[in-house]
Amino acid sequence: MANEARPTNPNTPGAPTGAHTSNHQAPNRPAANRPAANLPPRKARSTGLAVAAAGIVVFNISPFLNWVGFDDETDFRTGYETDSLVPFIAYLGLGLLLAMAYARGRAHRGQHRGLSLVSMAVGIAATIQAVAFALNPMGGLERGDDLSAQIGVFVAIIGAAIWAIGSGLLAKEIEGDDHDRTDNYARADH
């Protein structure tokens, strides 16, 4: 009976030394349900943010380039001169990029998924708008002009596509509501 009063965990003070004297064993839990061994919480990788930033920068260059030309190929208009939606989308991208960079530093896991998904949606919309502009330059129908798409439209398509892909890469990373093996808790399967 004297043995029962003593602690059975060999790691506690006062426990018997030598061979493990207790019948107590750790529960057989899968690795996903075991508490982490003091690992820092996993954060979203910055790869998606960097790719989105590159796409947004490329898209912001496009309004300075020629977007449309007349069929006689002597008169060209930049993205700023062609449609006010072009610089608006570019500046919206810059705002989203600043917000995602801020969230990277402030969020527990390095991102706010809702913001990343909004950025991806705007990148997709910008891609579609630029593709539509390449197929049929907007503004020419009202004026009766016969316009042709120029290099700025194609730079915008590339930039917007990269922007959307980068935001999608960031959105698929871990976020505050996600659970993974490095969390310090036991997850119950229902």
N, C-alpha and C. Protein backbone atom coordinates (compact mmCIF):
# COMPACT_ATOMS: atom_id res chain seq x y z
N MET A 1 0.80 -1.18 0.00
CA MET A 1 0.00 0.00 0.00
C MET A 1 0.84 1.24 0.00
N ALA A 2 2.01 1.15 0.48
CA ALA A 2 2.89 2.32 0.54
C ALA A 2 3.20 2.80 -0.87
N ASN A 3 3.20 1.89 -1.81
CA ASN A 3 3.52 2.25 -3.20
C ASN A 3 2.38 3.06 -3.83
N GLU A 4 1.12 2.89 -3.36
CA GLU A 4 0.00 3.61 -3.93
C GLU A 4 0.02 5.08 -3.57
N ALA A 5 0.59 5.48 -2.48
CA ALA A 5 0.61 6.87 -2.05
C ALA A 5 1.62 7.68 -2.84
N ARG A 6 2.53 7.02 -3.46
CA ARG A 6 3.57 7.73 -4.20
C ARG A 6 3.05 8.10 -5.59
N PRO A 7 3.52 9.23 -6.18
CA PRO A 7 3.10 9.60 -7.54
C PRO A 7 3.46 8.53 -8.53
N THR A 8 2.59 8.31 -9.50
CA THR A 8 2.84 7.27 -10.48
C THR A 8 3.47 7.81 -11.76
N ASN A 9 3.48 9.11 -11.94
CA ASN A 9 4.11 9.70 -13.12
C ASN A 9 5.60 9.82 -12.86
N PRO A 10 6.45 9.19 -13.68
CA PRO A 10 7.88 9.23 -13.41
C PRO A 10 8.47 10.63 -13.57
N ASN A 11 7.77 11.57 -14.12
CA ASN A 11 8.31 12.93 -14.31
C ASN A 11 7.97 13.87 -13.16
N THR A 12 7.18 13.43 -12.19
CA THR A 12 6.84 14.28 -11.07
C THR A 12 7.83 14.08 -9.95
N PRO A 13 8.06 15.14 -9.16
CA PRO A 13 8.99 14.99 -8.03
C PRO A 13 8.47 13.96 -7.05
N GLY A 14 9.35 13.21 -6.52
CA GLY A 14 8.99 12.18 -5.56
C GLY A 14 8.63 10.86 -6.19
N ALA A 15 8.65 10.80 -7.51
CA ALA A 15 8.32 9.55 -8.20
C ALA A 15 9.48 8.59 -8.04
N PRO A 16 9.18 7.30 -8.05
CA PRO A 16 10.27 6.33 -7.92
C PRO A 16 11.22 6.41 -9.11
N THR A 17 12.46 6.23 -8.82
CA THR A 17 13.46 6.26 -9.88
C THR A 17 13.62 4.86 -10.45
N GLY A 18 14.26 4.81 -11.61
CA GLY A 18 14.49 3.51 -12.22
C GLY A 18 13.38 3.18 -13.20
N ALA A 19 12.94 1.93 -13.16
CA ALA A 19 11.93 1.45 -14.12
C ALA A 19 10.60 2.12 -13.85
N HIS A 20 9.81 2.25 -14.89
CA HIS A 20 8.48 2.84 -14.81
C HIS A 20 7.59 1.89 -14.02
N THR A 21 7.08 2.36 -12.86
CA THR A 21 6.36 1.46 -11.97
C THR A 21 4.85 1.55 -12.11
N SER A 22 4.34 2.44 -12.98
CA SER A 22 2.89 2.58 -13.06
C SER A 22 2.37 1.87 -14.30
N ASN A 23 1.09 1.55 -14.25
CA ASN A 23 0.43 0.97 -15.41
C ASN A 23 -0.20 2.04 -16.29
N HIS A 24 -0.03 3.31 -15.91
CA HIS A 24 -0.62 4.43 -16.65
C HIS A 24 0.15 4.64 -17.96
N GLN A 25 -0.59 4.72 -19.07
CA GLN A 25 0.04 5.00 -20.37
C GLN A 25 -0.71 6.14 -21.02
N ALA A 26 -0.02 6.88 -21.88
CA ALA A 26 -0.65 7.99 -22.60
C ALA A 26 -1.74 7.44 -23.51
N PRO A 27 -2.84 8.16 -23.65
CA PRO A 27 -3.90 7.67 -24.54
C PRO A 27 -3.40 7.56 -25.97
N ASN A 28 -3.91 6.58 -26.65
CA ASN A 28 -3.51 6.37 -28.04
C ASN A 28 -4.34 7.31 -28.92
N ARG A 29 -3.78 8.49 -29.21
CA ARG A 29 -4.48 9.48 -30.03
C ARG A 29 -3.68 9.69 -31.32
N PRO A 30 -4.38 9.89 -32.43
CA PRO A 30 -3.68 10.22 -33.67
C PRO A 30 -2.91 11.52 -33.52
N ALA A 31 -1.88 11.68 -34.31
CA ALA A 31 -1.02 12.86 -34.22
C ALA A 31 -1.81 14.16 -34.40
N ALA A 32 -2.85 14.13 -35.20
CA ALA A 32 -3.63 15.35 -35.44
C ALA A 32 -4.36 15.80 -34.19
N ASN A 33 -4.61 14.90 -33.25
CA ASN A 33 -5.37 15.24 -32.06
C ASN A 33 -4.49 15.43 -30.83
N ARG A 34 -3.20 15.22 -30.94
CA ARG A 34 -2.31 15.42 -29.82
C ARG A 34 -1.93 16.88 -29.67
N PRO A 35 -1.78 17.35 -28.45
CA PRO A 35 -1.30 18.72 -28.27
C PRO A 35 0.09 18.88 -28.86
N ALA A 36 0.37 20.06 -29.37
CA ALA A 36 1.68 20.32 -29.96
C ALA A 36 2.72 20.43 -28.87
N ALA A 37 3.93 20.15 -29.22
CA ALA A 37 5.04 20.21 -28.29
C ALA A 37 5.67 21.60 -28.34
N ASN A 38 4.94 22.58 -27.85
CA ASN A 38 5.44 23.96 -27.78
C ASN A 38 5.91 24.49 -29.13
N LEU A 39 5.22 24.16 -30.19
CA LEU A 39 5.55 24.70 -31.50
C LEU A 39 4.85 26.03 -31.69
N PRO A 40 5.49 26.97 -32.35
CA PRO A 40 4.80 28.24 -32.60
C PRO A 40 3.64 28.02 -33.57
N PRO A 41 2.59 28.83 -33.48
CA PRO A 41 1.46 28.65 -34.41
C PRO A 41 1.90 28.92 -35.85
N ARG A 42 1.34 28.14 -36.75
CA ARG A 42 1.68 28.28 -38.16
C ARG A 42 1.07 29.55 -38.73
N LYS A 43 1.82 30.24 -39.58
CA LYS A 43 1.35 31.47 -40.22
C LYS A 43 1.25 31.24 -41.72
N ALA A 44 0.42 32.05 -42.35
CA ALA A 44 0.28 31.99 -43.80
C ALA A 44 1.61 32.38 -44.45
N ARG A 45 2.00 31.64 -45.47
CA ARG A 45 3.21 32.00 -46.20
C ARG A 45 2.97 33.29 -46.97
N SER A 46 4.02 34.04 -47.18
CA SER A 46 3.89 35.34 -47.85
C SER A 46 3.99 35.22 -49.37
N THR A 47 4.13 34.01 -49.90
CA THR A 47 4.25 33.83 -51.35
C THR A 47 3.07 34.40 -52.10
N GLY A 48 1.85 34.10 -51.67
CA GLY A 48 0.66 34.60 -52.33
C GLY A 48 0.59 36.12 -52.31
N LEU A 49 0.97 36.71 -51.18
CA LEU A 49 0.97 38.17 -51.08
C LEU A 49 1.98 38.78 -52.03
N ALA A 50 3.15 38.17 -52.16
CA ALA A 50 4.17 38.68 -53.07
C ALA A 50 3.72 38.57 -54.53
N VAL A 51 3.09 37.46 -54.88
CA VAL A 51 2.60 37.28 -56.26
C VAL A 51 1.49 38.29 -56.54
N ALA A 52 0.57 38.46 -55.60
CA ALA A 52 -0.51 39.45 -55.78
C ALA A 52 0.08 40.85 -55.92
N ALA A 53 1.08 41.17 -55.12
CA ALA A 53 1.72 42.49 -55.20
C ALA A 53 2.34 42.71 -56.57
N ALA A 54 3.00 41.68 -57.10
CA ALA A 54 3.61 41.81 -58.43
C ALA A 54 2.53 42.06 -59.49
N GLY A 55 1.42 41.34 -59.41
CA GLY A 55 0.33 41.53 -60.36
C GLY A 55 -0.29 42.92 -60.25
N ILE A 56 -0.46 43.40 -59.03
CA ILE A 56 -1.05 44.72 -58.83
C ILE A 56 -0.12 45.81 -59.36
N VAL A 57 1.18 45.65 -59.17
CA VAL A 57 2.14 46.62 -59.70
C VAL A 57 2.09 46.63 -61.24
N VAL A 58 2.06 45.45 -61.84
CA VAL A 58 1.98 45.37 -63.30
C VAL A 58 0.68 46.02 -63.78
N PHE A 59 -0.42 45.73 -63.10
CA PHE A 59 -1.70 46.33 -63.50
C PHE A 59 -1.65 47.85 -63.36
N ASN A 60 -0.96 48.37 -62.35
CA ASN A 60 -0.86 49.81 -62.15
C ASN A 60 0.03 50.50 -63.17
N ILE A 61 0.86 49.75 -63.86
CA ILE A 61 1.66 50.31 -64.95
C ILE A 61 0.81 50.47 -66.21
N SER A 62 -0.15 49.58 -66.39
CA SER A 62 -0.93 49.55 -67.63
C SER A 62 -1.69 50.83 -67.95
N PRO A 63 -2.25 51.59 -66.99
CA PRO A 63 -2.96 52.82 -67.38
C PRO A 63 -2.07 53.87 -68.05
N PHE A 64 -0.76 53.79 -67.85
CA PHE A 64 0.17 54.74 -68.47
C PHE A 64 0.51 54.34 -69.91
N LEU A 65 0.15 53.14 -70.28
CA LEU A 65 0.44 52.65 -71.63
C LEU A 65 -0.75 52.91 -72.55
N ASN A 66 -0.53 52.77 -73.84
CA ASN A 66 -1.62 52.94 -74.81
C ASN A 66 -2.60 51.78 -74.69
N TRP A 67 -3.90 52.13 -74.56
CA TRP A 67 -4.94 51.12 -74.48
C TRP A 67 -5.69 50.98 -75.79
N VAL A 68 -5.90 52.07 -76.48
CA VAL A 68 -6.62 52.01 -77.75
C VAL A 68 -5.89 52.85 -78.79
N GLY A 69 -6.10 52.46 -80.02
CA GLY A 69 -5.60 53.23 -81.15
C GLY A 69 -6.68 53.25 -82.22
N PHE A 70 -6.67 54.29 -83.00
CA PHE A 70 -7.61 54.37 -84.12
C PHE A 70 -7.06 53.54 -85.26
N ASP A 71 -7.90 53.15 -86.17
CA ASP A 71 -7.47 52.27 -87.26
C ASP A 71 -6.38 52.87 -88.11
N ASP A 72 -6.28 54.20 -88.15
CA ASP A 72 -5.20 54.78 -88.96
C ASP A 72 -3.85 54.67 -88.24
N GLU A 73 -3.86 54.19 -86.98
CA GLU A 73 -2.65 53.93 -86.19
C GLU A 73 -1.78 55.18 -86.02
N THR A 74 -2.40 56.35 -86.00
CA THR A 74 -1.63 57.57 -85.74
C THR A 74 -2.00 58.20 -84.42
N ASP A 75 -3.14 57.88 -83.89
CA ASP A 75 -3.62 58.49 -82.66
C ASP A 75 -3.89 57.39 -81.63
N PHE A 76 -3.30 57.52 -80.44
CA PHE A 76 -3.45 56.51 -79.39
C PHE A 76 -3.97 57.18 -78.13
N ARG A 77 -4.60 56.40 -77.27
CA ARG A 77 -5.08 56.88 -75.97
C ARG A 77 -4.60 55.92 -74.89
N THR A 78 -4.14 56.49 -73.77
CA THR A 78 -3.69 55.68 -72.64
C THR A 78 -4.90 55.17 -71.88
N GLY A 79 -4.64 54.34 -70.89
CA GLY A 79 -5.72 53.83 -70.05
C GLY A 79 -6.42 54.93 -69.30
N TYR A 80 -5.67 55.95 -68.87
CA TYR A 80 -6.28 57.09 -68.19
C TYR A 80 -7.23 57.85 -69.11
N GLU A 81 -6.87 58.01 -70.35
CA GLU A 81 -7.68 58.76 -71.31
C GLU A 81 -8.86 57.95 -71.84
N THR A 82 -8.73 56.65 -71.80
CA THR A 82 -9.74 55.78 -72.40
C THR A 82 -10.96 55.58 -71.53
N ASP A 83 -10.75 55.20 -70.28
CA ASP A 83 -11.87 54.84 -69.41
C ASP A 83 -11.45 55.10 -67.97
N SER A 84 -12.26 55.79 -67.20
CA SER A 84 -11.93 56.09 -65.80
C SER A 84 -11.95 54.84 -64.93
N LEU A 85 -12.56 53.77 -65.41
CA LEU A 85 -12.58 52.53 -64.66
C LEU A 85 -11.18 51.90 -64.57
N VAL A 86 -10.35 52.14 -65.57
CA VAL A 86 -9.00 51.55 -65.59
C VAL A 86 -8.16 52.04 -64.41
N PRO A 87 -7.99 53.35 -64.19
CA PRO A 87 -7.21 53.75 -63.02
C PRO A 87 -7.91 53.44 -61.71
N PHE A 88 -9.25 53.45 -61.70
CA PHE A 88 -9.96 53.11 -60.47
C PHE A 88 -9.62 51.68 -60.02
N ILE A 89 -9.65 50.74 -60.94
CA ILE A 89 -9.32 49.35 -60.60
C ILE A 89 -7.86 49.27 -60.13
N ALA A 90 -6.98 50.00 -60.79
CA ALA A 90 -5.57 49.99 -60.40
C ALA A 90 -5.40 50.51 -58.97
N TYR A 91 -6.07 51.61 -58.64
CA TYR A 91 -5.96 52.17 -57.29
C TYR A 91 -6.66 51.29 -56.27
N LEU A 92 -7.74 50.65 -56.65
CA LEU A 92 -8.40 49.70 -55.76
C LEU A 92 -7.45 48.56 -55.43
N GLY A 93 -6.70 48.10 -56.42
CA GLY A 93 -5.71 47.06 -56.18
C GLY A 93 -4.64 47.50 -55.20
N LEU A 94 -4.18 48.74 -55.32
CA LEU A 94 -3.19 49.26 -54.37
C LEU A 94 -3.76 49.30 -52.96
N GLY A 95 -5.01 49.73 -52.84
CA GLY A 95 -5.65 49.76 -51.52
C GLY A 95 -5.78 48.37 -50.92
N LEU A 96 -6.17 47.40 -51.74
CA LEU A 96 -6.28 46.03 -51.25
C LEU A 96 -4.92 45.47 -50.86
N LEU A 97 -3.89 45.81 -51.63
CA LEU A 97 -2.54 45.35 -51.31
C LEU A 97 -2.07 45.92 -49.97
N LEU A 98 -2.30 47.20 -49.74
CA LEU A 98 -1.93 47.80 -48.45
C LEU A 98 -2.69 47.15 -47.30
N ALA A 99 -3.97 46.88 -47.51
CA ALA A 99 -4.77 46.23 -46.47
C ALA A 99 -4.27 44.81 -46.19
N MET A 100 -3.93 44.07 -47.24
CA MET A 100 -3.42 42.70 -47.04
C MET A 100 -2.06 42.72 -46.35
N ALA A 101 -1.22 43.70 -46.69
CA ALA A 101 0.09 43.82 -46.02
C ALA A 101 -0.11 44.16 -44.54
N TYR A 102 -1.07 45.04 -44.24
CA TYR A 102 -1.37 45.38 -42.85
C TYR A 102 -1.89 44.15 -42.11
N ALA A 103 -2.79 43.40 -42.74
CA ALA A 103 -3.32 42.19 -42.12
C ALA A 103 -2.22 41.17 -41.89
N ARG A 104 -1.25 41.13 -42.79
CA ARG A 104 -0.12 40.20 -42.64
C ARG A 104 0.61 40.44 -41.32
N GLY A 105 0.76 41.70 -40.97
CA GLY A 105 1.46 42.02 -39.74
C GLY A 105 0.60 41.94 -38.49
N ARG A 106 -0.71 42.13 -38.62
CA ARG A 106 -1.58 42.19 -37.46
C ARG A 106 -2.34 40.90 -37.16
N ALA A 107 -2.68 40.14 -38.17
CA ALA A 107 -3.50 38.94 -37.97
C ALA A 107 -2.69 37.84 -37.29
N HIS A 108 -3.37 37.07 -36.46
CA HIS A 108 -2.72 36.00 -35.70
C HIS A 108 -1.99 35.01 -36.61
N ARG A 109 -2.59 34.66 -37.72
CA ARG A 109 -2.00 33.69 -38.64
C ARG A 109 -1.42 34.34 -39.90
N GLY A 110 -1.39 35.64 -39.97
CA GLY A 110 -0.72 36.31 -41.09
C GLY A 110 -1.61 36.68 -42.25
N GLN A 111 -2.92 36.52 -42.12
CA GLN A 111 -3.83 36.94 -43.18
C GLN A 111 -5.24 37.04 -42.64
N HIS A 112 -6.05 37.77 -43.36
CA HIS A 112 -7.49 37.81 -43.13
C HIS A 112 -8.11 37.26 -44.41
N ARG A 113 -8.63 36.04 -44.34
CA ARG A 113 -9.07 35.35 -45.55
C ARG A 113 -10.15 36.12 -46.31
N GLY A 114 -11.04 36.78 -45.62
CA GLY A 114 -12.08 37.56 -46.30
C GLY A 114 -11.46 38.63 -47.18
N LEU A 115 -10.44 39.28 -46.70
CA LEU A 115 -9.76 40.31 -47.48
C LEU A 115 -9.03 39.69 -48.68
N SER A 116 -8.41 38.55 -48.48
CA SER A 116 -7.73 37.86 -49.58
C SER A 116 -8.71 37.43 -50.66
N LEU A 117 -9.90 36.97 -50.24
CA LEU A 117 -10.91 36.56 -51.21
C LEU A 117 -11.49 37.76 -51.96
N VAL A 118 -11.65 38.89 -51.29
CA VAL A 118 -12.11 40.11 -51.97
C VAL A 118 -11.08 40.54 -53.00
N SER A 119 -9.81 40.49 -52.63
CA SER A 119 -8.75 40.84 -53.57
C SER A 119 -8.75 39.90 -54.78
N MET A 120 -8.97 38.61 -54.54
CA MET A 120 -9.03 37.66 -55.64
C MET A 120 -10.22 37.97 -56.55
N ALA A 121 -11.36 38.30 -55.96
CA ALA A 121 -12.54 38.62 -56.76
C ALA A 121 -12.32 39.87 -57.60
N VAL A 122 -11.70 40.88 -57.04
CA VAL A 122 -11.42 42.10 -57.80
C VAL A 122 -10.39 41.81 -58.90
N GLY A 123 -9.40 40.97 -58.60
CA GLY A 123 -8.42 40.58 -59.63
C GLY A 123 -9.09 39.84 -60.78
N ILE A 124 -10.02 38.95 -60.46
CA ILE A 124 -10.75 38.23 -61.51
C ILE A 124 -11.60 39.20 -62.33
N ALA A 125 -12.28 40.12 -61.64
CA ALA A 125 -13.10 41.11 -62.35
C ALA A 125 -12.24 42.00 -63.24
N ALA A 126 -11.06 42.39 -62.75
CA ALA A 126 -10.15 43.22 -63.56
C ALA A 126 -9.66 42.45 -64.78
N THR A 127 -9.41 41.15 -64.62
CA THR A 127 -8.99 40.32 -65.76
C THR A 127 -10.10 40.25 -66.80
N ILE A 128 -11.31 39.99 -66.35
CA ILE A 128 -12.45 39.89 -67.28
C ILE A 128 -12.68 41.23 -67.99
N GLN A 129 -12.59 42.33 -67.24
CA GLN A 129 -12.80 43.65 -67.84
C GLN A 129 -11.74 43.94 -68.90
N ALA A 130 -10.48 43.59 -68.62
CA ALA A 130 -9.42 43.82 -69.59
C ALA A 130 -9.57 42.92 -70.82
N VAL A 131 -9.97 41.68 -70.61
CA VAL A 131 -10.20 40.77 -71.75
C VAL A 131 -11.35 41.30 -72.61
N ALA A 132 -12.42 41.74 -71.96
CA ALA A 132 -13.54 42.30 -72.72
C ALA A 132 -13.11 43.54 -73.49
N PHE A 133 -12.25 44.34 -72.89
CA PHE A 133 -11.75 45.54 -73.56
C PHE A 133 -10.88 45.15 -74.76
N ALA A 134 -10.10 44.09 -74.61
CA ALA A 134 -9.26 43.64 -75.72
C ALA A 134 -10.11 43.14 -76.89
N LEU A 135 -11.22 42.49 -76.59
CA LEU A 135 -12.09 41.96 -77.64
C LEU A 135 -12.89 43.06 -78.33
N ASN A 136 -13.35 44.03 -77.54
CA ASN A 136 -14.14 45.12 -78.10
C ASN A 136 -13.88 46.37 -77.26
N PRO A 137 -12.92 47.21 -77.65
CA PRO A 137 -12.59 48.39 -76.85
C PRO A 137 -13.81 49.24 -76.55
N MET A 138 -14.02 49.51 -75.28
CA MET A 138 -15.19 50.26 -74.84
C MET A 138 -15.01 51.74 -75.15
N GLY A 139 -16.09 52.40 -75.38
CA GLY A 139 -16.06 53.83 -75.65
C GLY A 139 -16.16 54.16 -77.12
N GLY A 140 -15.74 53.27 -77.98
CA GLY A 140 -15.78 53.52 -79.42
C GLY A 140 -17.18 53.48 -79.97
N LEU A 141 -18.08 52.70 -79.33
CA LEU A 141 -19.44 52.59 -79.85
C LEU A 141 -20.20 53.90 -79.71
N GLU A 142 -19.97 54.60 -78.57
CA GLU A 142 -20.69 55.87 -78.37
C GLU A 142 -20.23 56.92 -79.38
N ARG A 143 -18.97 56.93 -79.66
CA ARG A 143 -18.41 57.96 -80.54
C ARG A 143 -18.38 57.51 -82.00
N GLY A 144 -18.66 56.26 -82.26
CA GLY A 144 -18.61 55.76 -83.63
C GLY A 144 -17.19 55.53 -84.11
N ASP A 145 -16.24 55.45 -83.18
CA ASP A 145 -14.84 55.24 -83.56
C ASP A 145 -14.59 53.77 -83.85
N ASP A 146 -13.64 53.53 -84.70
CA ASP A 146 -13.21 52.17 -84.97
C ASP A 146 -11.89 51.98 -84.24
N LEU A 147 -11.95 51.48 -83.00
CA LEU A 147 -10.78 51.40 -82.12
C LEU A 147 -10.18 50.00 -82.15
N SER A 148 -8.88 49.95 -81.90
CA SER A 148 -8.19 48.67 -81.75
C SER A 148 -7.43 48.68 -80.44
N ALA A 149 -7.39 47.51 -79.78
CA ALA A 149 -6.70 47.38 -78.49
C ALA A 149 -5.20 47.49 -78.70
N GLN A 150 -4.53 48.10 -77.73
CA GLN A 150 -3.09 48.28 -77.78
C GLN A 150 -2.41 47.56 -76.60
N ILE A 151 -1.12 47.73 -76.45
CA ILE A 151 -0.30 46.98 -75.51
C ILE A 151 -0.77 47.12 -74.06
N GLY A 152 -1.28 48.28 -73.67
CA GLY A 152 -1.71 48.48 -72.28
C GLY A 152 -2.78 47.51 -71.84
N VAL A 153 -3.68 47.15 -72.74
CA VAL A 153 -4.75 46.20 -72.43
C VAL A 153 -4.15 44.83 -72.09
N PHE A 154 -3.18 44.42 -72.87
CA PHE A 154 -2.59 43.09 -72.67
C PHE A 154 -1.71 43.05 -71.42
N VAL A 155 -1.05 44.16 -71.11
CA VAL A 155 -0.30 44.25 -69.85
C VAL A 155 -1.28 44.17 -68.68
N ALA A 156 -2.43 44.82 -68.82
CA ALA A 156 -3.45 44.76 -67.76
C ALA A 156 -3.98 43.35 -67.57
N ILE A 157 -4.19 42.62 -68.66
CA ILE A 157 -4.67 41.24 -68.55
C ILE A 157 -3.67 40.39 -67.77
N ILE A 158 -2.41 40.52 -68.11
CA ILE A 158 -1.36 39.75 -67.42
C ILE A 158 -1.29 40.14 -65.94
N GLY A 159 -1.26 41.45 -65.67
CA GLY A 159 -1.18 41.91 -64.28
C GLY A 159 -2.37 41.48 -63.45
N ALA A 160 -3.58 41.60 -64.02
CA ALA A 160 -4.78 41.23 -63.27
C ALA A 160 -4.84 39.72 -63.02
N ALA A 161 -4.40 38.93 -63.99
CA ALA A 161 -4.39 37.47 -63.80
C ALA A 161 -3.40 37.08 -62.70
N ILE A 162 -2.22 37.69 -62.71
CA ILE A 162 -1.23 37.41 -61.66
C ILE A 162 -1.76 37.85 -60.30
N TRP A 163 -2.41 38.99 -60.25
CA TRP A 163 -3.03 39.52 -59.03
C TRP A 163 -4.05 38.52 -58.48
N ALA A 164 -4.94 38.01 -59.33
CA ALA A 164 -5.97 37.07 -58.89
C ALA A 164 -5.35 35.76 -58.40
N ILE A 165 -4.34 35.27 -59.12
CA ILE A 165 -3.68 34.02 -58.72
C ILE A 165 -2.98 34.19 -57.38
N GLY A 166 -2.26 35.31 -57.20
CA GLY A 166 -1.57 35.55 -55.94
C GLY A 166 -2.53 35.65 -54.77
N SER A 167 -3.65 36.35 -54.97
CA SER A 167 -4.65 36.45 -53.90
C SER A 167 -5.25 35.09 -53.59
N GLY A 168 -5.46 34.28 -54.62
CA GLY A 168 -5.96 32.92 -54.40
C GLY A 168 -4.96 32.06 -53.63
N LEU A 169 -3.68 32.21 -53.94
CA LEU A 169 -2.65 31.47 -53.20
C LEU A 169 -2.64 31.87 -51.73
N LEU A 170 -2.81 33.17 -51.47
CA LEU A 170 -2.85 33.63 -50.09
C LEU A 170 -4.12 33.14 -49.39
N ALA A 171 -5.24 33.16 -50.07
CA ALA A 171 -6.52 32.75 -49.46
C ALA A 171 -6.52 31.28 -49.08
N LYS A 172 -5.76 30.45 -49.77
CA LYS A 172 -5.76 29.02 -49.43
C LYS A 172 -4.84 28.70 -48.26
N GLU A 173 -4.07 29.68 -47.81
CA GLU A 173 -3.19 29.48 -46.66
C GLU A 173 -4.00 29.46 -45.37
N ILE A 174 -3.35 29.08 -44.28
CA ILE A 174 -4.00 28.98 -42.98
C ILE A 174 -4.44 30.37 -42.51
N GLU A 175 -5.55 30.39 -41.79
CA GLU A 175 -6.09 31.63 -41.25
C GLU A 175 -6.55 31.38 -39.83
N GLY A 176 -6.94 32.41 -39.12
CA GLY A 176 -7.27 32.31 -37.70
C GLY A 176 -8.29 31.26 -37.34
N ASP A 177 -9.25 30.99 -38.19
CA ASP A 177 -10.28 30.00 -37.87
C ASP A 177 -9.86 28.58 -38.18
N ASP A 178 -8.76 28.42 -38.90
CA ASP A 178 -8.32 27.09 -39.30
C ASP A 178 -7.60 26.40 -38.15
N HIS A 179 -7.69 25.08 -38.15
CA HIS A 179 -6.99 24.27 -37.16
C HIS A 179 -5.98 23.39 -37.88
N ASP A 180 -4.84 23.24 -37.26
CA ASP A 180 -3.84 22.36 -37.85
C ASP A 180 -3.09 21.65 -36.74
N ARG A 181 -2.16 20.85 -37.10
CA ARG A 181 -1.46 20.01 -36.13
C ARG A 181 -0.58 20.79 -35.18
N THR A 182 -0.30 22.04 -35.46
CA THR A 182 0.55 22.80 -34.57
C THR A 182 -0.24 23.53 -33.50
N ASP A 183 -1.58 23.46 -33.53
CA ASP A 183 -2.38 24.10 -32.50
C ASP A 183 -2.19 23.36 -31.18
N ASN A 184 -2.25 24.09 -30.10
CA ASN A 184 -2.01 23.51 -28.78
C ASN A 184 -3.34 23.14 -28.13
N TYR A 185 -4.03 22.22 -28.71
CA TYR A 185 -5.30 21.73 -28.18
C TYR A 185 -5.57 20.35 -28.74
N ALA A 186 -6.52 19.67 -28.15
CA ALA A 186 -6.95 18.37 -28.67
C ALA A 186 -8.26 18.55 -29.40
N ARG A 187 -8.30 18.20 -30.64
CA ARG A 187 -9.49 18.36 -31.47
C ARG A 187 -10.37 17.13 -31.34
N ALA A 188 -11.63 17.34 -31.10
CA ALA A 188 -12.57 16.22 -30.99
C ALA A 188 -13.22 16.00 -32.34
N ASP A 189 -13.19 14.79 -32.81
CA ASP A 189 -13.84 14.45 -34.08
C ASP A 189 -15.29 14.11 -33.81
N HIS A 190 -16.19 14.71 -34.56
CA HIS A 190 -17.63 14.46 -34.37
C HIS A 190 -18.15 13.66 -35.52
